[in-house]
Every structure is written in C-alpha cells, then in structure tokens.
Amino acid sequence: MSHEKKSIGEKGEKNRVEPGTLYLVATPIGNLSDLSDRAKKVLSEVDFVAAEDTRNTGKLLACFGIRKELISYFEHNKRERGAIILDRVASGEAAALVTDAGMPAISDPGEDIVRLAAERDIRVSIVPGCCAAVSALALSGLATGRFAFEGFLSTNRHERNERLSEIKDERRTLIFYEAPHKLKNTLRDLSDLFGESRKITLCREMTKINEEITRTTLGDAVQLYETKEPRGEYVLIVEGAAEAGIAENDRSPEAEDLSTLSPAEHVAHYTDAGMTKMDAVKAAAKDRGMSKSEFYDLLTKEK
C-alpha cells in the first residue's frame, strides 16, 4: 500500500490515519454496537492489525465488512512479534493493536509493545472505548474517587494470598478481573483475609444479554456461589478497607467491653445468647475489627 497516498489528503481530514503510528484500539466487551465510528475507520485504514486472537478479531472485523491483514500478538510471542510489528511501523506503516475485548495494554501484553515503542520513539495513539475495569467500577455503587486496579490474581494460592495480605488494608476501592473457574477460590480467600462484611460488587458479562450486577458482601458472595455455578467473565469491585471493618474510634462501648474478653469467652458470649458457633465467630471477629481467619488464629493459639 502506498503510504504517500495515505499521508496526503484533504487538509484537516477528520481522524486521518497517519503512517508510522501504532494505534491502540478499544474493542467491545460484549455489545458490538459499542465499537465507535473512529475505531471502525482506523481498523479499515491501517496497513495491518495485531490481535490477541486473530480468529476472534477476524469475526469482529467481518461484522463490519472490514478485511485486513491480521498478525497474532499475545503473551507467549510478544517479544518476537512486538519487534516485527514495530519494525513495520518504523518503516512507515500504520498498525492497530487490539485485544479480545476492551482496552489493549490494560492487564494485557500490549503493555510490553507500548513500552518498546516508547523506547524506540515510535508514535502511539489511542482510540478509546470500552474498558471492563472502569465500566464495572461505575456500576458498583462503591466509592469511585480513588481506586486501585489489581487485574488478575495469581492462580497459585500461596502467591494469591500473599498479594491479598499486602493490600487488605488498602483504603482505595479495589478492582480485580476473574475467570469463572477461579471465582469461588478467590472469593473465599478475599473473605478470609478481608473479612466477611467487606462489600463487593460482582459484574458479570457486562453489556451482554446475560449481564448481571450483584452488590453484596464477601461472606454472602461465598455462600451465593456455593450453590450457584459461576459463568462468564467477572470484574470484582471490592470496598476499600477504611469503609469496611470497624475503626478503633467507631466501635460501640459494648464491642469495646467484649474485646477485653479472651477469644473463647467472646465467642461464648454470643453462643450463650443463642447464636450458632459460626455466627458467633463472625460477630466476635467484627467486634475486634478482624477477619474471620485472623480471629480463628487467635482461638487456635489460645488452645
């Protein structure tokens, strides 16, 4: 394709695709109508498209009548392909980078090629659009002024819990991505480490027919998925620590009095009042501003 023709156009042409540029193009996270007119124009006019999965992207482009050279670019070939893609862009071609859904480079290997492009002083431009993390945050009903994006947690439980332990006192709203087959374990770990009363919003299949937004607590979310099988991709929005447990100066006088008891006596106070042992442990942990697992540790040490 002649790059001279592409770069020469009517002065002031709106949204002109420039040679020697890598475009990060956001794609729909479900509803195809969310692909912007500018995104369609860029995808139609670049020399080639680098895609996480060329099959998925091929289907997306076909829906809009776009035929374009596709190059695979994903986690396991990003070093080799990244250099090839940027060499072509540096030579004067225009390229689009897309992920399967949402914004490339966010919890995505596109992060690597953007860094390499910056090191080589290659122009990168953005075609904004859908981002699952921010969309879920807006829907969550939790604080949106300050937040921290954690992406996908490790599949290794030790590493996952180590990371969760590091951020359990984070005051900003937390955002996680999670796959359905890992959801139950992640919710259990979150509940154990953050406390069952911490609020969470689970956003499933956003913008799709089966979109589901569940606003609940970590403890109730664990119970919900004991009987319900997770389906589809999830974004988890978890309340920040400052709004979760009980701050020292916010505890009721009764809670202060009970916290002077031994852990076993504290639990006995509630079981004697008619609570089940499980509910008594939850209540005692809440009184002390602790997670259930932390309180269980105290009970075990006491024995």
C-alpha atoms as a PDB file:
ATOM      1  CA  MET A   1       0.000   0.000   0.000  1.00  0.00           C
ATOM      2  CA  SER A   2       1.267   3.469  -0.834  1.00  0.00           C
ATOM      3  CA  HIS A   3       1.975   5.389   2.364  1.00  0.00           C
ATOM      4  CA  GLU A   4       2.391   8.581   0.380  1.00  0.00           C
ATOM      5  CA  LYS A   5      -1.260   8.450  -0.631  1.00  0.00           C
ATOM      6  CA  LYS A   6      -2.334   7.757   2.895  1.00  0.00           C
ATOM      7  CA  SER A   7      -0.414  10.673   4.366  1.00  0.00           C
ATOM      8  CA  ILE A   8      -1.557  13.112   1.674  1.00  0.00           C
ATOM      9  CA  GLY A   9      -5.180  14.023   2.000  1.00  0.00           C
ATOM     10  CA  GLU A  10      -7.514  16.888   2.149  1.00  0.00           C
ATOM     11  CA  LYS A  11      -6.142  19.344   4.662  1.00  0.00           C
ATOM     12  CA  GLY A  12      -7.827  18.891   8.022  1.00  0.00           C
ATOM     13  CA  GLU A  13      -9.240  15.456   7.183  1.00  0.00           C
ATOM     14  CA  LYS A  14     -11.017  14.318  10.324  1.00  0.00           C
ATOM     15  CA  ASN A  15      -9.459  11.363  12.153  1.00  0.00           C
ATOM     16  CA  ARG A  16      -6.910  10.764   9.415  1.00  0.00           C
ATOM     17  CA  VAL A  17      -4.857   7.599   9.923  1.00  0.00           C
ATOM     18  CA  GLU A  18      -1.195   8.573   9.999  1.00  0.00           C
ATOM     19  CA  PRO A  19       1.687   6.410   8.754  1.00  0.00           C
ATOM     20  CA  GLY A  20       4.353   5.330  11.211  1.00  0.00           C
ATOM     21  CA  THR A  21       1.804   5.095  14.018  1.00  0.00           C
ATOM     22  CA  LEU A  22       0.660   2.275  16.288  1.00  0.00           C
ATOM     23  CA  TYR A  23      -2.995   2.717  17.231  1.00  0.00           C
ATOM     24  CA  LEU A  24      -4.348   1.147  20.433  1.00  0.00           C
ATOM     25  CA  VAL A  25      -7.963   0.420  19.522  1.00  0.00           C
ATOM     26  CA  ALA A  26     -10.522  -0.450  22.203  1.00  0.00           C
ATOM     27  CA  THR A  27     -12.994  -3.153  21.167  1.00  0.00           C
ATOM     28  CA  PRO A  28     -16.424  -4.045  22.602  1.00  0.00           C
ATOM     29  CA  ILE A  29     -16.573  -6.100  25.795  1.00  0.00           C
ATOM     30  CA  GLY A  30     -19.854  -7.623  24.652  1.00  0.00           C
ATOM     31  CA  ASN A  31     -22.189  -5.442  22.654  1.00  0.00           C
ATOM     32  CA  LEU A  32     -20.828  -4.892  19.127  1.00  0.00           C
ATOM     33  CA  SER A  33     -22.671  -1.574  18.882  1.00  0.00           C
ATOM     34  CA  ASP A  34     -20.100  -0.165  21.292  1.00  0.00           C
ATOM     35  CA  LEU A  35     -17.415  -0.097  18.591  1.00  0.00           C
ATOM     36  CA  SER A  36     -17.002   3.597  17.761  1.00  0.00           C
ATOM     37  CA  ASP A  37     -17.077   5.107  14.275  1.00  0.00           C
ATOM     38  CA  ARG A  38     -13.483   6.222  14.740  1.00  0.00           C
ATOM     39  CA  ALA A  39     -12.427   2.691  15.696  1.00  0.00           C
ATOM     40  CA  LYS A  40     -14.056   1.346  12.518  1.00  0.00           C
ATOM     41  CA  LYS A  41     -12.273   3.985  10.429  1.00  0.00           C
ATOM     42  CA  VAL A  42      -8.868   3.228  11.943  1.00  0.00           C
ATOM     43  CA  LEU A  43      -9.307  -0.540  11.622  1.00  0.00           C
ATOM     44  CA  SER A  44     -10.333  -0.051   7.984  1.00  0.00           C
ATOM     45  CA  GLU A  45      -7.409   2.163   7.058  1.00  0.00           C
ATOM     46  CA  VAL A  46      -4.349   0.809   8.886  1.00  0.00           C
ATOM     47  CA  ASP A  47      -1.996  -1.488   6.980  1.00  0.00           C
ATOM     48  CA  PHE A  48      -2.442  -4.366   9.406  1.00  0.00           C
ATOM     49  CA  VAL A  49      -3.990  -5.335  12.755  1.00  0.00           C
ATOM     50  CA  ALA A  50      -2.103  -7.028  15.590  1.00  0.00           C
ATOM     51  CA  ALA A  51      -4.557  -9.116  17.610  1.00  0.00           C
ATOM     52  CA  GLU A  52      -4.556 -11.244  20.749  1.00  0.00           C
ATOM     53  CA  ASP A  53      -6.584 -13.886  18.897  1.00  0.00           C
ATOM     54  CA  THR A  54      -6.789 -13.474  15.124  1.00  0.00           C
ATOM     55  CA  ARG A  55      -9.878 -15.702  14.947  1.00  0.00           C
ATOM     56  CA  ASN A  56     -11.880 -13.541  17.320  1.00  0.00           C
ATOM     57  CA  THR A  57     -10.695 -10.315  15.721  1.00  0.00           C
ATOM     58  CA  GLY A  58     -11.388 -11.699  12.247  1.00  0.00           C
ATOM     59  CA  LYS A  59     -15.010 -12.303  13.250  1.00  0.00           C
ATOM     60  CA  LEU A  60     -15.272  -8.794  14.700  1.00  0.00           C
ATOM     61  CA  LEU A  61     -13.891  -7.163  11.556  1.00  0.00           C
ATOM     62  CA  ALA A  62     -16.150  -9.308   9.349  1.00  0.00           C
ATOM     63  CA  CYS A  63     -19.206  -7.972  11.206  1.00  0.00           C
ATOM     64  CA  PHE A  64     -18.301  -4.504   9.935  1.00  0.00           C
ATOM     65  CA  GLY A  65     -17.198  -5.584   6.472  1.00  0.00           C
ATOM     66  CA  ILE A  66     -13.527  -4.922   7.197  1.00  0.00           C
ATOM     67  CA  ARG A  67     -10.867  -7.102   5.579  1.00  0.00           C
ATOM     68  CA  LYS A  68      -7.371  -6.577   6.891  1.00  0.00           C
ATOM     69  CA  GLU A  69      -4.085  -8.427   7.349  1.00  0.00           C
ATOM     70  CA  LEU A  70      -4.034  -9.921  10.859  1.00  0.00           C
ATOM     71  CA  ILE A  71      -0.925 -10.707  12.899  1.00  0.00           C
ATOM     72  CA  SER A  72      -1.159 -12.610  16.178  1.00  0.00           C
ATOM     73  CA  TYR A  73       0.321 -10.859  19.199  1.00  0.00           C
ATOM     74  CA  PHE A  74      -0.181 -12.440  22.612  1.00  0.00           C
ATOM     75  CA  GLU A  75       1.620 -13.212  25.872  1.00  0.00           C
ATOM     76  CA  HIS A  76       3.784 -16.058  24.578  1.00  0.00           C
ATOM     77  CA  ASN A  77       5.015 -14.425  21.360  1.00  0.00           C
ATOM     78  CA  LYS A  78       5.064 -10.762  22.401  1.00  0.00           C
ATOM     79  CA  ARG A  79       8.854 -10.356  22.345  1.00  0.00           C
ATOM     80  CA  GLU A  80       9.354 -11.726  18.845  1.00  0.00           C
ATOM     81  CA  ARG A  81       6.178 -10.300  17.313  1.00  0.00           C
ATOM     82  CA  GLY A  82       6.490  -6.978  19.100  1.00  0.00           C
ATOM     83  CA  ALA A  83       9.818  -6.315  17.366  1.00  0.00           C
ATOM     84  CA  ILE A  84       8.383  -7.350  13.979  1.00  0.00           C
ATOM     85  CA  ILE A  85       5.306  -5.120  14.389  1.00  0.00           C
ATOM     86  CA  LEU A  86       7.351  -2.097  15.447  1.00  0.00           C
ATOM     87  CA  ASP A  87       9.855  -2.588  12.637  1.00  0.00           C
ATOM     88  CA  ARG A  88       6.988  -2.332  10.171  1.00  0.00           C
ATOM     89  CA  VAL A  89       5.561   0.734  11.901  1.00  0.00           C
ATOM     90  CA  ALA A  90       9.004   2.350  11.997  1.00  0.00           C
ATOM     91  CA  SER A  91       9.261   1.792   8.240  1.00  0.00           C
ATOM     92  CA  GLY A  92       6.131   3.896   7.706  1.00  0.00           C
ATOM     93  CA  GLU A  93       3.199   1.514   8.057  1.00  0.00           C
ATOM     94  CA  ALA A  94       0.215   2.181  10.307  1.00  0.00           C
ATOM     95  CA  ALA A  95      -0.909  -0.618  12.618  1.00  0.00           C
ATOM     96  CA  ALA A  96      -3.760  -1.210  15.057  1.00  0.00           C
ATOM     97  CA  LEU A  97      -3.352  -3.240  18.232  1.00  0.00           C
ATOM     98  CA  VAL A  98      -6.480  -4.867  19.665  1.00  0.00           C
ATOM     99  CA  THR A  99      -7.217  -7.303  22.442  1.00  0.00           C
ATOM    100  CA  ASP A 100     -10.112  -9.778  22.509  1.00  0.00           C
ATOM    101  CA  ALA A 101     -12.276  -7.316  24.419  1.00  0.00           C
ATOM    102  CA  GLY A 102     -11.741  -3.897  25.917  1.00  0.00           C
ATOM    103  CA  MET A 103      -8.667  -1.700  26.052  1.00  0.00           C
ATOM    104  CA  PRO A 104      -5.352  -3.146  24.855  1.00  0.00           C
ATOM    105  CA  ALA A 105      -2.369  -2.806  27.233  1.00  0.00           C
ATOM    106  CA  ILE A 106      -4.587  -2.963  30.339  1.00  0.00           C
ATOM    107  CA  SER A 107      -3.823  -6.295  32.048  1.00  0.00           C
ATOM    108  CA  ASP A 108      -2.713  -7.315  28.571  1.00  0.00           C
ATOM    109  CA  PRO A 109       0.590  -7.976  26.724  1.00  0.00           C
ATOM    110  CA  GLY A 110       0.035  -4.746  24.785  1.00  0.00           C
ATOM    111  CA  GLU A 111       1.705  -3.082  27.767  1.00  0.00           C
ATOM    112  CA  ASP A 112       5.007  -4.503  26.527  1.00  0.00           C
ATOM    113  CA  ILE A 113       4.777  -3.217  22.945  1.00  0.00           C
ATOM    114  CA  VAL A 114       3.816   0.279  24.119  1.00  0.00           C
ATOM    115  CA  ARG A 115       6.922   0.339  26.315  1.00  0.00           C
ATOM    116  CA  LEU A 116       9.094  -0.836  23.410  1.00  0.00           C
ATOM    117  CA  ALA A 117       7.525   1.778  21.133  1.00  0.00           C
ATOM    118  CA  ALA A 118       8.332   4.489  23.674  1.00  0.00           C
ATOM    119  CA  GLU A 119      11.949   3.301  23.864  1.00  0.00           C
ATOM    120  CA  ARG A 120      12.202   3.481  20.055  1.00  0.00           C
ATOM    121  CA  ASP A 121      10.396   6.843  19.865  1.00  0.00           C
ATOM    122  CA  ILE A 122       7.637   5.330  17.711  1.00  0.00           C
ATOM    123  CA  ARG A 123       4.349   7.213  17.808  1.00  0.00           C
ATOM    124  CA  VAL A 124       1.498   5.503  19.669  1.00  0.00           C
ATOM    125  CA  SER A 125      -2.044   6.873  19.522  1.00  0.00           C
ATOM    126  CA  ILE A 126      -5.191   5.835  21.364  1.00  0.00           C
ATOM    127  CA  VAL A 127      -8.671   5.097  20.059  1.00  0.00           C
ATOM    128  CA  PRO A 128     -10.557   4.986  23.378  1.00  0.00           C
ATOM    129  CA  GLY A 129     -13.607   2.944  24.134  1.00  0.00           C
ATOM    130  CA  CYS A 130     -14.668   0.074  26.365  1.00  0.00           C
ATOM    131  CA  CYS A 131     -12.710  -0.843  29.483  1.00  0.00           C
ATOM    132  CA  ALA A 132     -14.218  -3.529  31.718  1.00  0.00           C
ATOM    133  CA  ALA A 133     -12.497  -2.279  34.870  1.00  0.00           C
ATOM    134  CA  VAL A 134     -13.821   1.295  34.715  1.00  0.00           C
ATOM    135  CA  SER A 135     -17.249   0.167  33.480  1.00  0.00           C
ATOM    136  CA  ALA A 136     -17.631  -2.173  36.457  1.00  0.00           C
ATOM    137  CA  LEU A 137     -16.401   0.497  38.870  1.00  0.00           C
ATOM    138  CA  ALA A 138     -19.064   2.901  37.598  1.00  0.00           C
ATOM    139  CA  LEU A 139     -21.754   0.239  38.108  1.00  0.00           C
ATOM    140  CA  SER A 140     -20.538  -0.903  41.521  1.00  0.00           C
ATOM    141  CA  GLY A 141     -22.225   1.587  43.814  1.00  0.00           C
ATOM    142  CA  LEU A 142     -18.933   1.803  45.742  1.00  0.00           C
ATOM    143  CA  ALA A 143     -16.539   4.746  46.039  1.00  0.00           C
ATOM    144  CA  THR A 144     -15.091   5.735  42.650  1.00  0.00           C
ATOM    145  CA  GLY A 145     -12.947   8.752  43.613  1.00  0.00           C
ATOM    146  CA  ARG A 146      -9.845   6.686  44.371  1.00  0.00           C
ATOM    147  CA  PHE A 147      -9.288   3.131  43.202  1.00  0.00           C
ATOM    148  CA  ALA A 148      -6.535   0.575  42.561  1.00  0.00           C
ATOM    149  CA  PHE A 149      -6.575  -1.874  39.662  1.00  0.00           C
ATOM    150  CA  GLU A 150      -5.153  -5.298  40.549  1.00  0.00           C
ATOM    151  CA  GLY A 151      -6.054  -7.193  37.370  1.00  0.00           C
ATOM    152  CA  PHE A 152      -5.864 -10.992  37.587  1.00  0.00           C
ATOM    153  CA  LEU A 153      -4.652 -12.554  40.829  1.00  0.00           C
ATOM    154  CA  SER A 154      -2.167 -15.430  40.726  1.00  0.00           C
ATOM    155  CA  THR A 155      -3.513 -18.933  40.180  1.00  0.00           C
ATOM    156  CA  ASN A 156      -1.117 -20.098  42.913  1.00  0.00           C
ATOM    157  CA  ARG A 157      -2.962 -19.850  46.205  1.00  0.00           C
ATOM    158  CA  HIS A 158       0.118 -19.006  48.268  1.00  0.00           C
ATOM    159  CA  GLU A 159       1.061 -16.174  45.914  1.00  0.00           C
ATOM    160  CA  ARG A 160      -2.564 -15.017  45.712  1.00  0.00           C
ATOM    161  CA  ASN A 161      -2.941 -14.845  49.496  1.00  0.00           C
ATOM    162  CA  GLU A 162       0.429 -13.163  49.843  1.00  0.00           C
ATOM    163  CA  ARG A 163      -0.743 -10.401  47.493  1.00  0.00           C
ATOM    164  CA  LEU A 164      -4.129 -10.096  49.186  1.00  0.00           C
ATOM    165  CA  SER A 165      -2.419  -9.828  52.585  1.00  0.00           C
ATOM    166  CA  GLU A 166      -0.334  -6.940  51.230  1.00  0.00           C
ATOM    167  CA  ILE A 167      -3.400  -4.967  50.097  1.00  0.00           C
ATOM    168  CA  LYS A 168      -6.042  -5.882  52.671  1.00  0.00           C
ATOM    169  CA  ASP A 169      -5.607  -2.517  54.419  1.00  0.00           C
ATOM    170  CA  GLU A 170      -5.718  -0.568  51.133  1.00  0.00           C
ATOM    171  CA  ARG A 171      -8.224   2.249  51.543  1.00  0.00           C
ATOM    172  CA  ARG A 172      -8.962   2.690  47.858  1.00  0.00           C
ATOM    173  CA  THR A 173     -11.650   0.671  46.091  1.00  0.00           C
ATOM    174  CA  LEU A 174     -10.024  -2.440  44.567  1.00  0.00           C
ATOM    175  CA  ILE A 175     -10.670  -3.854  41.087  1.00  0.00           C
ATOM    176  CA  PHE A 176      -9.959  -7.461  40.111  1.00  0.00           C
ATOM    177  CA  TYR A 177     -10.534  -9.486  36.950  1.00  0.00           C
ATOM    178  CA  GLU A 178     -11.526 -13.109  37.461  1.00  0.00           C
ATOM    179  CA  ALA A 179     -12.284 -16.155  35.355  1.00  0.00           C
ATOM    180  CA  PRO A 180     -15.317 -18.323  36.260  1.00  0.00           C
ATOM    181  CA  HIS A 181     -13.302 -21.430  37.154  1.00  0.00           C
ATOM    182  CA  LYS A 182     -11.273 -19.449  39.721  1.00  0.00           C
ATOM    183  CA  LEU A 183     -14.055 -17.307  41.184  1.00  0.00           C
ATOM    184  CA  LYS A 184     -15.041 -19.493  44.149  1.00  0.00           C
ATOM    185  CA  ASN A 185     -11.499 -19.825  45.469  1.00  0.00           C
ATOM    186  CA  THR A 186     -10.822 -16.124  45.019  1.00  0.00           C
ATOM    187  CA  LEU A 187     -13.993 -15.150  46.899  1.00  0.00           C
ATOM    188  CA  ARG A 188     -13.097 -17.496  49.781  1.00  0.00           C
ATOM    189  CA  ASP A 189      -9.616 -16.031  50.039  1.00  0.00           C
ATOM    190  CA  LEU A 190     -10.932 -12.474  49.877  1.00  0.00           C
ATOM    191  CA  SER A 191     -13.492 -13.217  52.573  1.00  0.00           C
ATOM    192  CA  ASP A 192     -10.941 -14.883  54.844  1.00  0.00           C
ATOM    193  CA  LEU A 193      -8.355 -12.130  54.510  1.00  0.00           C
ATOM    194  CA  PHE A 194     -10.519  -9.010  54.127  1.00  0.00           C
ATOM    195  CA  GLY A 195     -13.412 -10.040  56.394  1.00  0.00           C
ATOM    196  CA  GLU A 196     -16.879 -11.296  55.512  1.00  0.00           C
ATOM    197  CA  SER A 197     -18.564  -7.926  55.995  1.00  0.00           C
ATOM    198  CA  ARG A 198     -16.481  -6.144  53.321  1.00  0.00           C
ATOM    199  CA  LYS A 199     -18.712  -5.037  50.441  1.00  0.00           C
ATOM    200  CA  ILE A 200     -18.217  -6.377  46.939  1.00  0.00           C
ATOM    201  CA  THR A 201     -19.903  -5.859  43.580  1.00  0.00           C
ATOM    202  CA  LEU A 202     -19.605  -8.700  41.071  1.00  0.00           C
ATOM    203  CA  CYS A 203     -20.077  -7.603  37.468  1.00  0.00           C
ATOM    204  CA  ARG A 204     -20.674 -10.483  35.064  1.00  0.00           C
ATOM    205  CA  GLU A 205     -20.974 -10.402  31.272  1.00  0.00           C
ATOM    206  CA  MET A 206     -21.286  -6.618  31.080  1.00  0.00           C
ATOM    207  CA  THR A 207     -23.156  -5.249  28.027  1.00  0.00           C
ATOM    208  CA  LYS A 208     -24.207  -8.778  27.030  1.00  0.00           C
ATOM    209  CA  ILE A 209     -27.663 -10.378  27.163  1.00  0.00           C
ATOM    210  CA  ASN A 210     -26.820 -12.138  30.450  1.00  0.00           C
ATOM    211  CA  GLU A 211     -25.354  -9.063  32.163  1.00  0.00           C
ATOM    212  CA  GLU A 212     -25.602  -9.449  35.929  1.00  0.00           C
ATOM    213  CA  ILE A 213     -24.573  -6.984  38.632  1.00  0.00           C
ATOM    214  CA  THR A 214     -24.552  -8.371  42.187  1.00  0.00           C
ATOM    215  CA  ARG A 215     -23.950  -5.996  45.116  1.00  0.00           C
ATOM    216  CA  THR A 216     -23.351  -7.886  48.337  1.00  0.00           C
ATOM    217  CA  THR A 217     -20.688  -8.717  50.970  1.00  0.00           C
ATOM    218  CA  LEU A 218     -17.750 -11.072  50.634  1.00  0.00           C
ATOM    219  CA  GLY A 219     -19.300 -13.528  53.089  1.00  0.00           C
ATOM    220  CA  ASP A 220     -22.618 -13.599  51.249  1.00  0.00           C
ATOM    221  CA  ALA A 221     -20.853 -13.863  47.887  1.00  0.00           C
ATOM    222  CA  VAL A 222     -19.066 -17.009  49.091  1.00  0.00           C
ATOM    223  CA  GLN A 223     -22.384 -18.513  50.158  1.00  0.00           C
ATOM    224  CA  LEU A 224     -24.082 -17.491  46.899  1.00  0.00           C
ATOM    225  CA  TYR A 225     -21.565 -19.392  44.803  1.00  0.00           C
ATOM    226  CA  GLU A 226     -21.682 -22.465  46.993  1.00  0.00           C
ATOM    227  CA  THR A 227     -24.910 -23.319  45.175  1.00  0.00           C
ATOM    228  CA  LYS A 228     -24.518 -21.254  42.006  1.00  0.00           C
ATOM    229  CA  GLU A 229     -22.027 -22.152  39.280  1.00  0.00           C
ATOM    230  CA  PRO A 230     -20.025 -19.153  38.017  1.00  0.00           C
ATOM    231  CA  ARG A 231     -20.452 -18.448  34.303  1.00  0.00           C
ATOM    232  CA  GLY A 232     -18.796 -15.846  32.106  1.00  0.00           C
ATOM    233  CA  GLU A 233     -16.040 -13.362  32.880  1.00  0.00           C
ATOM    234  CA  TYR A 234     -16.184 -11.341  36.101  1.00  0.00           C
ATOM    235  CA  VAL A 235     -14.951  -7.990  37.315  1.00  0.00           C
ATOM    236  CA  LEU A 236     -14.861  -7.764  41.124  1.00  0.00           C
ATOM    237  CA  ILE A 237     -15.111  -4.362  42.790  1.00  0.00           C
ATOM    238  CA  VAL A 238     -14.155  -4.585  46.460  1.00  0.00           C
ATOM    239  CA  GLU A 239     -14.744  -1.880  49.047  1.00  0.00           C
ATOM    240  CA  GLY A 240     -11.678  -0.182  50.485  1.00  0.00           C
ATOM    241  CA  ALA A 241     -10.517  -1.074  53.995  1.00  0.00           C
ATOM    242  CA  ALA A 242     -11.415   2.288  55.559  1.00  0.00           C
ATOM    243  CA  GLU A 243     -15.100   1.700  54.854  1.00  0.00           C
ATOM    244  CA  ALA A 244     -15.091  -1.993  55.635  1.00  0.00           C
ATOM    245  CA  GLY A 245     -14.435  -3.165  59.175  1.00  0.00           C
ATOM    246  CA  ILE A 246     -14.784  -1.193  62.391  1.00  0.00           C
ATOM    247  CA  ALA A 247     -12.302   1.578  63.047  1.00  0.00           C
ATOM    248  CA  GLU A 248     -10.967   1.754  66.589  1.00  0.00           C
ATOM    249  CA  ASN A 249     -12.751   5.030  67.369  1.00  0.00           C
ATOM    250  CA  ASP A 250     -16.030   3.846  65.796  1.00  0.00           C
ATOM    251  CA  ARG A 251     -16.582   0.757  67.924  1.00  0.00           C
ATOM    252  CA  SER A 252     -19.551   0.677  70.212  1.00  0.00           C
ATOM    253  CA  PRO A 253     -18.946   0.605  74.001  1.00  0.00           C
ATOM    254  CA  GLU A 254     -20.337  -2.952  74.013  1.00  0.00           C
ATOM    255  CA  ALA A 255     -17.806  -4.046  71.404  1.00  0.00           C
ATOM    256  CA  GLU A 256     -15.012  -2.411  73.396  1.00  0.00           C
ATOM    257  CA  ASP A 257     -16.080  -4.310  76.512  1.00  0.00           C
ATOM    258  CA  LEU A 258     -16.325  -7.633  74.679  1.00  0.00           C
ATOM    259  CA  SER A 259     -12.896  -7.244  73.125  1.00  0.00           C
ATOM    260  CA  THR A 260     -11.381  -7.395  76.609  1.00  0.00           C
ATOM    261  CA  LEU A 261     -12.595 -11.000  76.860  1.00  0.00           C
ATOM    262  CA  SER A 262     -10.482 -13.902  75.707  1.00  0.00           C
ATOM    263  CA  PRO A 263     -11.349 -15.117  72.185  1.00  0.00           C
ATOM    264  CA  ALA A 264     -13.144 -18.185  73.586  1.00  0.00           C
ATOM    265  CA  GLU A 265     -15.096 -16.082  76.098  1.00  0.00           C
ATOM    266  CA  HIS A 266     -16.004 -13.652  73.344  1.00  0.00           C
ATOM    267  CA  VAL A 267     -17.472 -16.471  71.239  1.00  0.00           C
ATOM    268  CA  ALA A 268     -19.230 -17.924  74.304  1.00  0.00           C
ATOM    269  CA  HIS A 269     -20.909 -14.557  74.909  1.00  0.00           C
ATOM    270  CA  TYR A 270     -22.728 -14.922  71.596  1.00  0.00           C
ATOM    271  CA  THR A 271     -23.397 -18.680  71.690  1.00  0.00           C
ATOM    272  CA  ASP A 272     -24.937 -18.258  75.158  1.00  0.00           C
ATOM    273  CA  ALA A 273     -27.249 -15.679  73.586  1.00  0.00           C
ATOM    274  CA  GLY A 274     -28.453 -18.269  71.071  1.00  0.00           C
ATOM    275  CA  MET A 275     -26.113 -17.773  68.084  1.00  0.00           C
ATOM    276  CA  THR A 276     -24.593 -20.665  66.204  1.00  0.00           C
ATOM    277  CA  LYS A 277     -20.850 -21.011  66.709  1.00  0.00           C
ATOM    278  CA  MET A 278     -20.184 -19.868  63.133  1.00  0.00           C
ATOM    279  CA  ASP A 279     -22.247 -16.704  63.569  1.00  0.00           C
ATOM    280  CA  ALA A 280     -20.656 -16.119  66.972  1.00  0.00           C
ATOM    281  CA  VAL A 281     -17.173 -16.269  65.445  1.00  0.00           C
ATOM    282  CA  LYS A 282     -18.253 -13.803  62.741  1.00  0.00           C
ATOM    283  CA  ALA A 283     -19.664 -11.393  65.343  1.00  0.00           C
ATOM    284  CA  ALA A 284     -16.583 -11.638  67.569  1.00  0.00           C
ATOM    285  CA  ALA A 285     -14.263 -11.031  64.626  1.00  0.00           C
ATOM    286  CA  LYS A 286     -16.315  -7.995  63.610  1.00  0.00           C
ATOM    287  CA  ASP A 287     -16.195  -6.604  67.167  1.00  0.00           C
ATOM    288  CA  ARG A 288     -12.408  -6.774  67.056  1.00  0.00           C
ATOM    289  CA  GLY A 289     -12.101  -5.361  63.530  1.00  0.00           C
ATOM    290  CA  MET A 290     -10.567  -8.615  62.310  1.00  0.00           C
ATOM    291  CA  SER A 291     -11.182 -11.092  59.511  1.00  0.00           C
ATOM    292  CA  LYS A 292     -12.683 -14.443  60.469  1.00  0.00           C
ATOM    293  CA  SER A 293      -9.422 -16.244  59.650  1.00  0.00           C
ATOM    294  CA  GLU A 294      -7.430 -13.876  61.882  1.00  0.00           C
ATOM    295  CA  PHE A 295      -9.840 -14.479  64.747  1.00  0.00           C
ATOM    296  CA  TYR A 296      -9.656 -18.245  64.222  1.00  0.00           C
ATOM    297  CA  ASP A 297      -5.878 -17.962  64.601  1.00  0.00           C
ATOM    298  CA  LEU A 298      -6.394 -16.308  67.984  1.00  0.00           C
ATOM    299  CA  LEU A 299      -8.750 -19.086  69.048  1.00  0.00           C
ATOM    300  CA  THR A 300      -6.268 -21.752  67.972  1.00  0.00           C
ATOM    301  CA  LYS A 301      -3.361 -20.122  69.792  1.00  0.00           C
ATOM    302  CA  GLU A 302      -5.473 -19.804  72.915  1.00  0.00           C
ATOM    303  CA  LYS A 303      -5.988 -23.571  72.976  1.00  0.00           C
END
